[in-house]
Structures are given as C-alpha cells and as structure tokens.
Amino acid sequence: MDLQLSVRAGRGCTVLEVRGELDMATSPQLREGLQRLVDAGNRRVLVDLAGVGFMDSSALGALVVTFKALRDVGGRLCLAAAQPAVRSVLTVTSVDQAIDVYDSVLAAEADMRPTDTSGS
C-alpha cells in the first residue's frame, strides 16, 4: 500500500494526516514530509495516525528526528489517533514518553493551541 500524506491547517497547529503503512519503504516519505513542514516554518505539528495500521522502527526514527528538530527551535510535535498496533509500538519503545500521544485529533489540537496569549 502506498503512503499518502496530506497537510491541513489545524487549530493552533499544522496537521499531517498519514494513510498507509509506515515501514522502511515509506518512512523516507514521512521524514521528507515532516522536514518540509519544519523548513516551511511550522512549529506546532500534529501527526494524525488514524490511517496507519503498521509502523516500524524506521518510522519511529523519522518521528524522533522531527521531534528533536522542532524542540530545538521551540516548537512541538505530537501524535494522535494511533490505532492499537501503532500505539503498542509507541509504548513498547517508550517513544510515547518523549512525544505526546493523544487519543484523538481534537484532543491534540486543543492541547496544541498557544497558551502564551496575554491577559489569560
């Protein structure tokens, strides 16, 4: 199955919707898609994993590299809507201890909104 990436504006962040399997063959696409977002100046990136049924270590690497790149520039990466098999990989590898993982895109978007507005 081919990997499909689509970008949309979220509430307070940029959402990267991922569809397909994330493995050695498709992880370079994920890494490039994430890098394009960082290079374009996006600092709050949410990866919607609802359409991902499988993820291997190469995809984890792409996510961790992007997490570090965004953290280094004061940004944030988070993941949402991971299916049970993918959530298990995130948990077993402890990636979910570094990168915030949310049950739904709506919950992630609510937490990604900037909180540094004056007067609140």
PDB file of N, CA and C in Angstrom:
ATOM      1  N   MET A   1       0.846  -1.191   0.000  1.00  0.00           N
ATOM      2  CA  MET A   1       0.000   0.000   0.000  1.00  0.00           C
ATOM      3  C   MET A   1       0.884   1.246   0.000  1.00  0.00           C
ATOM      4  N   ASP A   2       0.550   2.191  -0.840  1.00  0.00           N
ATOM      5  CA  ASP A   2       1.293   3.436  -0.916  1.00  0.00           C
ATOM      6  C   ASP A   2       0.998   4.310   0.297  1.00  0.00           C
ATOM      7  N   LEU A   3       1.966   5.120   0.666  1.00  0.00           N
ATOM      8  CA  LEU A   3       1.794   6.060   1.761  1.00  0.00           C
ATOM      9  C   LEU A   3       1.203   7.346   1.199  1.00  0.00           C
ATOM     10  N   GLN A   4       0.204   7.861   1.886  1.00  0.00           N
ATOM     11  CA  GLN A   4      -0.411   9.121   1.491  1.00  0.00           C
ATOM     12  C   GLN A   4      -0.257  10.116   2.628  1.00  0.00           C
ATOM     13  N   LEU A   5       0.257  11.286   2.305  1.00  0.00           N
ATOM     14  CA  LEU A   5       0.413  12.356   3.274  1.00  0.00           C
ATOM     15  C   LEU A   5      -0.400  13.551   2.814  1.00  0.00           C
ATOM     16  N   SER A   6      -1.135  14.152   3.711  1.00  0.00           N
ATOM     17  CA  SER A   6      -1.833  15.385   3.382  1.00  0.00           C
ATOM     18  C   SER A   6      -1.707  16.337   4.560  1.00  0.00           C
ATOM     19  N   VAL A   7      -1.573  17.610   4.230  1.00  0.00           N
ATOM     20  CA  VAL A   7      -1.370  18.649   5.233  1.00  0.00           C
ATOM     21  C   VAL A   7      -2.582  19.549   5.259  1.00  0.00           C
ATOM     22  N   ARG A   8      -2.985  19.917   6.457  1.00  0.00           N
ATOM     23  CA  ARG A   8      -4.079  20.869   6.602  1.00  0.00           C
ATOM     24  C   ARG A   8      -3.827  21.743   7.820  1.00  0.00           C
ATOM     25  N   ALA A   9      -4.454  22.886   7.822  1.00  0.00           N
ATOM     26  CA  ALA A   9      -4.362  23.764   8.983  1.00  0.00           C
ATOM     27  C   ALA A   9      -5.246  23.206  10.083  1.00  0.00           C
ATOM     28  N   GLY A  10      -4.690  23.075  11.265  1.00  0.00           N
ATOM     29  CA  GLY A  10      -5.455  22.652  12.427  1.00  0.00           C
ATOM     30  C   GLY A  10      -5.710  23.852  13.320  1.00  0.00           C
ATOM     31  N   ARG A  11      -6.276  23.606  14.473  1.00  0.00           N
ATOM     32  CA  ARG A  11      -6.499  24.684  15.441  1.00  0.00           C
ATOM     33  C   ARG A  11      -5.208  24.870  16.231  1.00  0.00           C
ATOM     34  N   GLY A  12      -4.453  25.903  15.887  1.00  0.00           N
ATOM     35  CA  GLY A  12      -3.224  26.210  16.592  1.00  0.00           C
ATOM     36  C   GLY A  12      -2.035  25.361  16.180  1.00  0.00           C
ATOM     37  N   CYS A  13      -2.180  24.612  15.098  1.00  0.00           N
ATOM     38  CA  CYS A  13      -1.092  23.739  14.653  1.00  0.00           C
ATOM     39  C   CYS A  13      -1.289  23.370  13.184  1.00  0.00           C
ATOM     40  N   THR A  14      -0.310  22.671  12.650  1.00  0.00           N
ATOM     41  CA  THR A  14      -0.417  22.112  11.309  1.00  0.00           C
ATOM     42  C   THR A  14      -0.598  20.611  11.469  1.00  0.00           C
ATOM     43  N   VAL A  15      -1.589  20.052  10.785  1.00  0.00           N
ATOM     44  CA  VAL A  15      -1.886  18.626  10.886  1.00  0.00           C
ATOM     45  C   VAL A  15      -1.363  17.901   9.653  1.00  0.00           C
ATOM     46  N   LEU A  16      -0.567  16.863   9.888  1.00  0.00           N
ATOM     47  CA  LEU A  16      -0.115  15.976   8.819  1.00  0.00           C
ATOM     48  C   LEU A  16      -0.893  14.679   8.954  1.00  0.00           C
ATOM     49  N   GLU A  17      -1.796  14.437   8.008  1.00  0.00           N
ATOM     50  CA  GLU A  17      -2.578  13.207   8.014  1.00  0.00           C
ATOM     51  C   GLU A  17      -1.812  12.142   7.244  1.00  0.00           C
ATOM     52  N   VAL A  18      -1.630  10.993   7.875  1.00  0.00           N
ATOM     53  CA  VAL A  18      -0.849   9.911   7.289  1.00  0.00           C
ATOM     54  C   VAL A  18      -1.775   8.720   7.058  1.00  0.00           C
ATOM     55  N   ARG A  19      -1.702   8.147   5.852  1.00  0.00           N
ATOM     56  CA  ARG A  19      -2.515   6.976   5.491  1.00  0.00           C
ATOM     57  C   ARG A  19      -1.596   5.935   4.860  1.00  0.00           C
ATOM     58  N   GLY A  20      -1.660   4.707   5.365  1.00  0.00           N
ATOM     59  CA  GLY A  20      -0.851   3.630   4.807  1.00  0.00           C
ATOM     60  C   GLY A  20       0.013   2.996   5.874  1.00  0.00           C
ATOM     61  N   GLU A  21       0.976   2.206   5.434  1.00  0.00           N
ATOM     62  CA  GLU A  21       1.881   1.547   6.361  1.00  0.00           C
ATOM     63  C   GLU A  21       3.193   2.308   6.426  1.00  0.00           C
ATOM     64  N   LEU A  22       3.698   2.476   7.632  1.00  0.00           N
ATOM     65  CA  LEU A  22       4.972   3.167   7.826  1.00  0.00           C
ATOM     66  C   LEU A  22       6.052   2.118   8.064  1.00  0.00           C
ATOM     67  N   ASP A  23       6.857   1.889   7.029  1.00  0.00           N
ATOM     68  CA  ASP A  23       7.922   0.890   7.114  1.00  0.00           C
ATOM     69  C   ASP A  23       9.164   1.424   6.407  1.00  0.00           C
ATOM     70  N   MET A  24      10.152   0.566   6.214  1.00  0.00           N
ATOM     71  CA  MET A  24      11.406   1.012   5.590  1.00  0.00           C
ATOM     72  C   MET A  24      11.190   1.616   4.210  1.00  0.00           C
ATOM     73  N   ALA A  25      10.195   1.128   3.493  1.00  0.00           N
ATOM     74  CA  ALA A  25       9.948   1.622   2.139  1.00  0.00           C
ATOM     75  C   ALA A  25       9.282   2.998   2.140  1.00  0.00           C
ATOM     76  N   THR A  26       8.446   3.273   3.138  1.00  0.00           N
ATOM     77  CA  THR A  26       7.672   4.508   3.135  1.00  0.00           C
ATOM     78  C   THR A  26       8.168   5.556   4.134  1.00  0.00           C
ATOM     79  N   SER A  27       8.999   5.166   5.081  1.00  0.00           N
ATOM     80  CA  SER A  27       9.478   6.119   6.088  1.00  0.00           C
ATOM     81  C   SER A  27      10.224   7.313   5.501  1.00  0.00           C
ATOM     82  N   PRO A  28      11.000   7.134   4.406  1.00  0.00           N
ATOM     83  CA  PRO A  28      11.628   8.325   3.816  1.00  0.00           C
ATOM     84  C   PRO A  28      10.603   9.380   3.387  1.00  0.00           C
ATOM     85  N   GLN A  29       9.449   8.946   2.886  1.00  0.00           N
ATOM     86  CA  GLN A  29       8.390   9.885   2.519  1.00  0.00           C
ATOM     87  C   GLN A  29       7.911  10.645   3.747  1.00  0.00           C
ATOM     88  N   LEU A  30       7.723   9.919   4.851  1.00  0.00           N
ATOM     89  CA  LEU A  30       7.284  10.558   6.092  1.00  0.00           C
ATOM     90  C   LEU A  30       8.322  11.567   6.547  1.00  0.00           C
ATOM     91  N   ARG A  31       9.577  11.165   6.564  1.00  0.00           N
ATOM     92  CA  ARG A  31      10.658  12.048   7.009  1.00  0.00           C
ATOM     93  C   ARG A  31      10.706  13.310   6.141  1.00  0.00           C
ATOM     94  N   GLU A  32      10.590  13.144   4.816  1.00  0.00           N
ATOM     95  CA  GLU A  32      10.624  14.287   3.903  1.00  0.00           C
ATOM     96  C   GLU A  32       9.418  15.198   4.108  1.00  0.00           C
ATOM     97  N   GLY A  33       8.254  14.604   4.300  1.00  0.00           N
ATOM     98  CA  GLY A  33       7.049  15.400   4.532  1.00  0.00           C
ATOM     99  C   GLY A  33       7.149  16.216   5.804  1.00  0.00           C
ATOM    100  N   LEU A  34       7.653  15.594   6.859  1.00  0.00           N
ATOM    101  CA  LEU A  34       7.833  16.310   8.119  1.00  0.00           C
ATOM    102  C   LEU A  34       8.895  17.401   7.986  1.00  0.00           C
ATOM    103  N   GLN A  35       9.980  17.091   7.289  1.00  0.00           N
ATOM    104  CA  GLN A  35      11.045  18.072   7.115  1.00  0.00           C
ATOM    105  C   GLN A  35      10.560  19.284   6.330  1.00  0.00           C
ATOM    106  N   ARG A  36       9.713  19.046   5.323  1.00  0.00           N
ATOM    107  CA  ARG A  36       9.150  20.169   4.557  1.00  0.00           C
ATOM    108  C   ARG A  36       8.352  21.104   5.472  1.00  0.00           C
ATOM    109  N   LEU A  37       7.603  20.523   6.404  1.00  0.00           N
ATOM    110  CA  LEU A  37       6.819  21.341   7.337  1.00  0.00           C
ATOM    111  C   LEU A  37       7.730  22.184   8.222  1.00  0.00           C
ATOM    112  N   VAL A  38       8.780  21.553   8.743  1.00  0.00           N
ATOM    113  CA  VAL A  38       9.735  22.281   9.591  1.00  0.00           C
ATOM    114  C   VAL A  38      10.415  23.382   8.782  1.00  0.00           C
ATOM    115  N   ASP A  39      10.868  23.051   7.580  1.00  0.00           N
ATOM    116  CA  ASP A  39      11.560  24.019   6.719  1.00  0.00           C
ATOM    117  C   ASP A  39      10.651  25.196   6.347  1.00  0.00           C
ATOM    118  N   ALA A  40       9.349  24.935   6.271  1.00  0.00           N
ATOM    119  CA  ALA A  40       8.393  25.988   5.917  1.00  0.00           C
ATOM    120  C   ALA A  40       8.039  26.878   7.107  1.00  0.00           C
ATOM    121  N   GLY A  41       8.602  26.559   8.279  1.00  0.00           N
ATOM    122  CA  GLY A  41       8.369  27.399   9.446  1.00  0.00           C
ATOM    123  C   GLY A  41       7.283  26.923  10.381  1.00  0.00           C
ATOM    124  N   ASN A  42       6.710  25.758  10.122  1.00  0.00           N
ATOM    125  CA  ASN A  42       5.697  25.224  11.031  1.00  0.00           C
ATOM    126  C   ASN A  42       6.384  24.822  12.334  1.00  0.00           C
ATOM    127  N   ARG A  43       5.846  25.285  13.460  1.00  0.00           N
ATOM    128  CA  ARG A  43       6.465  24.995  14.753  1.00  0.00           C
ATOM    129  C   ARG A  43       5.608  24.119  15.650  1.00  0.00           C
ATOM    130  N   ARG A  44       4.335  23.970  15.317  1.00  0.00           N
ATOM    131  CA  ARG A  44       3.440  23.074  16.057  1.00  0.00           C
ATOM    132  C   ARG A  44       2.863  22.100  15.045  1.00  0.00           C
ATOM    133  N   VAL A  45       3.350  20.865  15.101  1.00  0.00           N
ATOM    134  CA  VAL A  45       2.962  19.861  14.116  1.00  0.00           C
ATOM    135  C   VAL A  45       2.286  18.688  14.823  1.00  0.00           C
ATOM    136  N   LEU A  46       1.133  18.324  14.311  1.00  0.00           N
ATOM    137  CA  LEU A  46       0.357  17.200  14.813  1.00  0.00           C
ATOM    138  C   LEU A  46       0.309  16.143  13.715  1.00  0.00           C
ATOM    139  N   VAL A  47       0.746  14.933  14.033  1.00  0.00           N
ATOM    140  CA  VAL A  47       0.703  13.841  13.075  1.00  0.00           C
ATOM    141  C   VAL A  47      -0.517  12.982  13.399  1.00  0.00           C
ATOM    142  N   ASP A  48      -1.463  12.953  12.466  1.00  0.00           N
ATOM    143  CA  ASP A  48      -2.696  12.161  12.594  1.00  0.00           C
ATOM    144  C   ASP A  48      -2.404  10.761  12.064  1.00  0.00           C
ATOM    145  N   LEU A  49      -2.365   9.792  12.975  1.00  0.00           N
ATOM    146  CA  LEU A  49      -2.023   8.413  12.623  1.00  0.00           C
ATOM    147  C   LEU A  49      -3.243   7.509  12.477  1.00  0.00           C
ATOM    148  N   ALA A  50      -4.431   8.071  12.377  1.00  0.00           N
ATOM    149  CA  ALA A  50      -5.650   7.262  12.304  1.00  0.00           C
ATOM    150  C   ALA A  50      -5.630   6.285  11.135  1.00  0.00           C
ATOM    151  N   GLY A  51      -4.981   6.661  10.028  1.00  0.00           N
ATOM    152  CA  GLY A  51      -4.963   5.821   8.839  1.00  0.00           C
ATOM    153  C   GLY A  51      -3.755   4.912   8.741  1.00  0.00           C
ATOM    154  N   VAL A  52      -3.003   4.780   9.839  1.00  0.00           N
ATOM    155  CA  VAL A  52      -1.791   3.960   9.828  1.00  0.00           C
ATOM    156  C   VAL A  52      -2.043   2.671  10.605  1.00  0.00           C
ATOM    157  N   GLY A  53      -1.899   1.531   9.918  1.00  0.00           N
ATOM    158  CA  GLY A  53      -2.123   0.242  10.557  1.00  0.00           C
ATOM    159  C   GLY A  53      -0.861  -0.443  11.022  1.00  0.00           C
ATOM    160  N   PHE A  54       0.295   0.036  10.522  1.00  0.00           N
ATOM    161  CA  PHE A  54       1.572  -0.589  10.864  1.00  0.00           C
ATOM    162  C   PHE A  54       2.652   0.474  10.897  1.00  0.00           C
ATOM    163  N   MET A  55       3.542   0.359  11.887  1.00  0.00           N
ATOM    164  CA  MET A  55       4.673   1.281  11.992  1.00  0.00           C
ATOM    165  C   MET A  55       5.884   0.503  12.481  1.00  0.00           C
ATOM    166  N   ASP A  56       7.029   0.687  11.793  1.00  0.00           N
ATOM    167  CA  ASP A  56       8.250   0.020  12.248  1.00  0.00           C
ATOM    168  C   ASP A  56       9.245   1.043  12.787  1.00  0.00           C
ATOM    169  N   SER A  57      10.436   0.573  13.133  1.00  0.00           N
ATOM    170  CA  SER A  57      11.430   1.428  13.775  1.00  0.00           C
ATOM    171  C   SER A  57      11.922   2.553  12.878  1.00  0.00           C
ATOM    172  N   SER A  58      11.897   2.360  11.574  1.00  0.00           N
ATOM    173  CA  SER A  58      12.346   3.433  10.686  1.00  0.00           C
ATOM    174  C   SER A  58      11.396   4.630  10.762  1.00  0.00           C
ATOM    175  N   ALA A  59      10.119   4.364  10.903  1.00  0.00           N
ATOM    176  CA  ALA A  59       9.147   5.448  11.056  1.00  0.00           C
ATOM    177  C   ALA A  59       9.304   6.116  12.420  1.00  0.00           C
ATOM    178  N   LEU A  60       9.581   5.326  13.441  1.00  0.00           N
ATOM    179  CA  LEU A  60       9.837   5.904  14.759  1.00  0.00           C
ATOM    180  C   LEU A  60      11.014   6.862  14.692  1.00  0.00           C
ATOM    181  N   GLY A  61      12.042   6.460  13.957  1.00  0.00           N
ATOM    182  CA  GLY A  61      13.215   7.314  13.798  1.00  0.00           C
ATOM    183  C   GLY A  61      12.859   8.643  13.158  1.00  0.00           C
ATOM    184  N   ALA A  62      12.028   8.611  12.131  1.00  0.00           N
ATOM    185  CA  ALA A  62      11.610   9.838  11.456  1.00  0.00           C
ATOM    186  C   ALA A  62      10.852  10.758  12.415  1.00  0.00           C
ATOM    187  N   LEU A  63       9.998  10.171  13.242  1.00  0.00           N
ATOM    188  CA  LEU A  63       9.239  10.965  14.207  1.00  0.00           C
ATOM    189  C   LEU A  63      10.154  11.575  15.266  1.00  0.00           C
ATOM    190  N   VAL A  64      11.103  10.792  15.764  1.00  0.00           N
ATOM    191  CA  VAL A  64      12.010  11.284  16.806  1.00  0.00           C
ATOM    192  C   VAL A  64      12.916  12.395  16.265  1.00  0.00           C
ATOM    193  N   VAL A  65      13.412  12.233  15.035  1.00  0.00           N
ATOM    194  CA  VAL A  65      14.247  13.275  14.425  1.00  0.00           C
ATOM    195  C   VAL A  65      13.462  14.586  14.319  1.00  0.00           C
ATOM    196  N   THR A  66      12.216  14.497  13.893  1.00  0.00           N
ATOM    197  CA  THR A  66      11.390  15.698  13.759  1.00  0.00           C
ATOM    198  C   THR A  66      11.062  16.290  15.119  1.00  0.00           C
ATOM    199  N   PHE A  67      10.764  15.425  16.090  1.00  0.00           N
ATOM    200  CA  PHE A  67      10.504  15.888  17.456  1.00  0.00           C
ATOM    201  C   PHE A  67      11.678  16.724  17.968  1.00  0.00           C
ATOM    202  N   LYS A  68      12.892  16.211  17.783  1.00  0.00           N
ATOM    203  CA  LYS A  68      14.089  16.922  18.251  1.00  0.00           C
ATOM    204  C   LYS A  68      14.302  18.224  17.489  1.00  0.00           C
ATOM    205  N   ALA A  69      14.081  18.193  16.168  1.00  0.00           N
ATOM    206  CA  ALA A  69      14.255  19.400  15.359  1.00  0.00           C
ATOM    207  C   ALA A  69      13.294  20.494  15.805  1.00  0.00           C
ATOM    208  N   LEU A  70      12.057  20.135  16.051  1.00  0.00           N
ATOM    209  CA  LEU A  70      11.070  21.116  16.494  1.00  0.00           C
ATOM    210  C   LEU A  70      11.362  21.597  17.909  1.00  0.00           C
ATOM    211  N   ARG A  71      11.740  20.689  18.775  1.00  0.00           N
ATOM    212  CA  ARG A  71      12.072  21.059  20.157  1.00  0.00           C
ATOM    213  C   ARG A  71      13.225  22.063  20.163  1.00  0.00           C
ATOM    214  N   ASP A  72      14.194  21.854  19.292  1.00  0.00           N
ATOM    215  CA  ASP A  72      15.373  22.726  19.240  1.00  0.00           C
ATOM    216  C   ASP A  72      15.045  24.149  18.806  1.00  0.00           C
ATOM    217  N   VAL A  73      13.919  24.335  18.134  1.00  0.00           N
ATOM    218  CA  VAL A  73      13.520  25.685  17.705  1.00  0.00           C
ATOM    219  C   VAL A  73      12.301  26.189  18.482  1.00  0.00           C
ATOM    220  N   GLY A  74      12.040  25.563  19.632  1.00  0.00           N
ATOM    221  CA  GLY A  74      10.932  25.998  20.472  1.00  0.00           C
ATOM    222  C   GLY A  74       9.578  25.529  19.998  1.00  0.00           C
ATOM    223  N   GLY A  75       9.556  24.530  19.125  1.00  0.00           N
ATOM    224  CA  GLY A  75       8.301  24.015  18.594  1.00  0.00           C
ATOM    225  C   GLY A  75       7.864  22.751  19.301  1.00  0.00           C
ATOM    226  N   ARG A  76       6.889  22.087  18.703  1.00  0.00           N
ATOM    227  CA  ARG A  76       6.322  20.894  19.329  1.00  0.00           C
ATOM    228  C   ARG A  76       5.775  19.948  18.265  1.00  0.00           C
ATOM    229  N   LEU A  77       6.007  18.660  18.487  1.00  0.00           N
ATOM    230  CA  LEU A  77       5.422  17.598  17.662  1.00  0.00           C
ATOM    231  C   LEU A  77       4.575  16.744  18.578  1.00  0.00           C
ATOM    232  N   CYS A  78       3.388  16.385  18.129  1.00  0.00           N
ATOM    233  CA  CYS A  78       2.595  15.406  18.868  1.00  0.00           C
ATOM    234  C   CYS A  78       1.902  14.485  17.879  1.00  0.00           C
ATOM    235  N   LEU A  79       1.440  13.364  18.399  1.00  0.00           N
ATOM    236  CA  LEU A  79       0.814  12.319  17.605  1.00  0.00           C
ATOM    237  C   LEU A  79      -0.608  12.120  18.096  1.00  0.00           C
ATOM    238  N   ALA A  80      -1.497  11.707  17.187  1.00  0.00           N
ATOM    239  CA  ALA A  80      -2.889  11.500  17.584  1.00  0.00           C
ATOM    240  C   ALA A  80      -3.515  10.345  16.833  1.00  0.00           C
ATOM    241  N   ALA A  81      -4.516   9.760  17.479  1.00  0.00           N
ATOM    242  CA  ALA A  81      -5.412   8.763  16.878  1.00  0.00           C
ATOM    243  C   ALA A  81      -4.694   7.500  16.407  1.00  0.00           C
ATOM    244  N   ALA A  82      -3.652   7.095  17.123  1.00  0.00           N
ATOM    245  CA  ALA A  82      -2.928   5.879  16.742  1.00  0.00           C
ATOM    246  C   ALA A  82      -3.793   4.644  16.974  1.00  0.00           C
ATOM    247  N   GLN A  83      -3.829   3.776  15.986  1.00  0.00           N
ATOM    248  CA  GLN A  83      -4.531   2.509  16.124  1.00  0.00           C
ATOM    249  C   GLN A  83      -3.800   1.649  17.156  1.00  0.00           C
ATOM    250  N   PRO A  84      -4.477   0.631  17.731  1.00  0.00           N
ATOM    251  CA  PRO A  84      -3.855  -0.167  18.801  1.00  0.00           C
ATOM    252  C   PRO A  84      -2.475  -0.735  18.470  1.00  0.00           C
ATOM    253  N   ALA A  85      -2.269  -1.251  17.266  1.00  0.00           N
ATOM    254  CA  ALA A  85      -0.967  -1.824  16.916  1.00  0.00           C
ATOM    255  C   ALA A  85       0.122  -0.757  16.914  1.00  0.00           C
ATOM    256  N   VAL A  86      -0.203   0.427  16.404  1.00  0.00           N
ATOM    257  CA  VAL A  86       0.760   1.524  16.354  1.00  0.00           C
ATOM    258  C   VAL A  86       0.989   2.074  17.756  1.00  0.00           C
ATOM    259  N   ARG A  87      -0.066   2.215  18.520  1.00  0.00           N
ATOM    260  CA  ARG A  87       0.055   2.702  19.911  1.00  0.00           C
ATOM    261  C   ARG A  87       0.950   1.762  20.712  1.00  0.00           C
ATOM    262  N   SER A  88       0.814   0.474  20.466  1.00  0.00           N
ATOM    263  CA  SER A  88       1.648  -0.509  21.153  1.00  0.00           C
ATOM    264  C   SER A  88       3.123  -0.306  20.844  1.00  0.00           C
ATOM    265  N   VAL A  89       3.452  -0.047  19.576  1.00  0.00           N
ATOM    266  CA  VAL A  89       4.843   0.212  19.186  1.00  0.00           C
ATOM    267  C   VAL A  89       5.361   1.455  19.900  1.00  0.00           C
ATOM    268  N   LEU A  90       4.548   2.494  19.970  1.00  0.00           N
ATOM    269  CA  LEU A  90       4.956   3.733  20.635  1.00  0.00           C
ATOM    270  C   LEU A  90       5.203   3.496  22.126  1.00  0.00           C
ATOM    271  N   THR A  91       4.393   2.640  22.730  1.00  0.00           N
ATOM    272  CA  THR A  91       4.522   2.348  24.157  1.00  0.00           C
ATOM    273  C   THR A  91       5.718   1.446  24.445  1.00  0.00           C
ATOM    274  N   VAL A  92       5.857   0.370  23.684  1.00  0.00           N
ATOM    275  CA  VAL A  92       6.944  -0.596  23.906  1.00  0.00           C
ATOM    276  C   VAL A  92       8.307   0.064  23.736  1.00  0.00           C
ATOM    277  N   THR A  93       8.412   0.992  22.811  1.00  0.00           N
ATOM    278  CA  THR A  93       9.686   1.669  22.545  1.00  0.00           C
ATOM    279  C   THR A  93       9.879   2.914  23.418  1.00  0.00           C
ATOM    280  N   SER A  94       8.894   3.246  24.228  1.00  0.00           N
ATOM    281  CA  SER A  94       8.897   4.421  25.108  1.00  0.00           C
ATOM    282  C   SER A  94       8.921   5.742  24.347  1.00  0.00           C
ATOM    283  N   VAL A  95       8.624   5.711  23.064  1.00  0.00           N
ATOM    284  CA  VAL A  95       8.529   6.959  22.299  1.00  0.00           C
ATOM    285  C   VAL A  95       7.406   7.825  22.877  1.00  0.00           C
ATOM    286  N   ASP A  96       6.361   7.171  23.403  1.00  0.00           N
ATOM    287  CA  ASP A  96       5.257   7.935  23.989  1.00  0.00           C
ATOM    288  C   ASP A  96       5.651   8.654  25.284  1.00  0.00           C
ATOM    289  N   GLN A  97       6.842   8.364  25.809  1.00  0.00           N
ATOM    290  CA  GLN A  97       7.335   9.091  26.979  1.00  0.00           C
ATOM    291  C   GLN A  97       7.967  10.424  26.575  1.00  0.00           C
ATOM    292  N   ALA A  98       8.403  10.516  25.332  1.00  0.00           N
ATOM    293  CA  ALA A  98       9.029  11.745  24.833  1.00  0.00           C
ATOM    294  C   ALA A  98       8.051  12.586  24.017  1.00  0.00           C
ATOM    295  N   ILE A  99       7.301  11.935  23.145  1.00  0.00           N
ATOM    296  CA  ILE A  99       6.361  12.627  22.261  1.00  0.00           C
ATOM    297  C   ILE A  99       4.951  12.414  22.792  1.00  0.00           C
ATOM    298  N   ASP A 100       4.206  13.502  22.962  1.00  0.00           N
ATOM    299  CA  ASP A 100       2.831  13.392  23.445  1.00  0.00           C
ATOM    300  C   ASP A 100       1.966  12.670  22.423  1.00  0.00           C
ATOM    301  N   VAL A 101       1.191  11.700  22.920  1.00  0.00           N
ATOM    302  CA  VAL A 101       0.287  10.927  22.074  1.00  0.00           C
ATOM    303  C   VAL A 101      -1.123  11.102  22.616  1.00  0.00           C
ATOM    304  N   TYR A 102      -2.024  11.510  21.728  1.00  0.00           N
ATOM    305  CA  TYR A 102      -3.405  11.774  22.114  1.00  0.00           C
ATOM    306  C   TYR A 102      -4.339  10.760  21.473  1.00  0.00           C
ATOM    307  N   ASP A 103      -5.473  10.519  22.143  1.00  0.00           N
ATOM    308  CA  ASP A 103      -6.448   9.560  21.627  1.00  0.00           C
ATOM    309  C   ASP A 103      -7.140  10.063  20.369  1.00  0.00           C
ATOM    310  N   SER A 104      -7.280  11.385  20.256  1.00  0.00           N
ATOM    311  CA  SER A 104      -7.984  11.937  19.105  1.00  0.00           C
ATOM    312  C   SER A 104      -7.282  13.199  18.612  1.00  0.00           C
ATOM    313  N   VAL A 105      -7.545  13.527  17.367  1.00  0.00           N
ATOM    314  CA  VAL A 105      -7.002  14.753  16.781  1.00  0.00           C
ATOM    315  C   VAL A 105      -7.569  15.964  17.512  1.00  0.00           C
ATOM    316  N   LEU A 106      -8.850  15.926  17.861  1.00  0.00           N
ATOM    317  CA  LEU A 106      -9.463  17.058  18.556  1.00  0.00           C
ATOM    318  C   LEU A 106      -8.788  17.323  19.897  1.00  0.00           C
ATOM    319  N   ALA A 107      -8.488  16.268  20.646  1.00  0.00           N
ATOM    320  CA  ALA A 107      -7.810  16.427  21.941  1.00  0.00           C
ATOM    321  C   ALA A 107      -6.413  17.005  21.745  1.00  0.00           C
ATOM    322  N   ALA A 108      -5.717  16.541  20.726  1.00  0.00           N
ATOM    323  CA  ALA A 108      -4.369  17.057  20.456  1.00  0.00           C
ATOM    324  C   ALA A 108      -4.423  18.515  20.040  1.00  0.00           C
ATOM    325  N   GLU A 109      -5.363  18.859  19.154  1.00  0.00           N
ATOM    326  CA  GLU A 109      -5.481  20.248  18.708  1.00  0.00           C
ATOM    327  C   GLU A 109      -5.786  21.167  19.883  1.00  0.00           C
ATOM    328  N   ALA A 110      -6.643  20.717  20.792  1.00  0.00           N
ATOM    329  CA  ALA A 110      -6.991  21.540  21.948  1.00  0.00           C
ATOM    330  C   ALA A 110      -5.754  21.810  22.802  1.00  0.00           C
ATOM    331  N   ASP A 111      -4.852  20.838  22.905  1.00  0.00           N
ATOM    332  CA  ASP A 111      -3.656  20.986  23.720  1.00  0.00           C
ATOM    333  C   ASP A 111      -2.537  21.704  22.977  1.00  0.00           C
ATOM    334  N   MET A 112      -2.613  21.765  21.666  1.00  0.00           N
ATOM    335  CA  MET A 112      -1.568  22.396  20.863  1.00  0.00           C
ATOM    336  C   MET A 112      -1.765  23.899  20.724  1.00  0.00           C
ATOM    337  N   ARG A 113      -2.941  24.391  21.063  1.00  0.00           N
ATOM    338  CA  ARG A 113      -3.194  25.824  20.902  1.00  0.00           C
ATOM    339  C   ARG A 113      -2.241  26.624  21.765  1.00  0.00           C
ATOM    340  N   PRO A 114      -1.749  27.707  21.241  1.00  0.00           N
ATOM    341  CA  PRO A 114      -0.818  28.532  22.013  1.00  0.00           C
ATOM    342  C   PRO A 114      -1.468  29.009  23.313  1.00  0.00           C
ATOM    343  N   THR A 115      -0.697  28.948  24.392  1.00  0.00           N
ATOM    344  CA  THR A 115      -1.205  29.388  25.686  1.00  0.00           C
ATOM    345  C   THR A 115      -0.519  30.666  26.142  1.00  0.00           C
ATOM    346  N   ASP A 116       0.337  31.213  25.284  1.00  0.00           N
ATOM    347  CA  ASP A 116       1.113  32.386  25.684  1.00  0.00           C
ATOM    348  C   ASP A 116       0.457  33.701  25.276  1.00  0.00           C
ATOM    349  N   THR A 117      -0.857  33.722  25.239  1.00  0.00           N
ATOM    350  CA  THR A 117      -1.554  34.965  24.913  1.00  0.00           C
ATOM    351  C   THR A 117      -1.643  35.825  26.163  1.00  0.00           C
ATOM    352  N   SER A 118      -1.470  37.098  25.998  1.00  0.00           N
ATOM    353  CA  SER A 118      -1.504  37.984  27.168  1.00  0.00           C
ATOM    354  C   SER A 118      -2.939  38.150  27.660  1.00  0.00           C
ATOM    355  N   GLY A 119      -3.048  38.303  28.988  1.00  0.00           N
ATOM    356  CA  GLY A 119      -4.361  38.503  29.575  1.00  0.00           C
ATOM    357  C   GLY A 119      -5.063  37.231  29.938  1.00  0.00           C
ATOM    358  N   SER A 120      -4.450  36.085  29.748  1.00  0.00           N
ATOM    359  CA  SER A 120      -5.128  34.847  30.133  1.00  0.00           C
ATOM    360  C   SER A 120      -4.273  34.007  31.030  1.00  0.00           C
TER     361      SER A 120
END
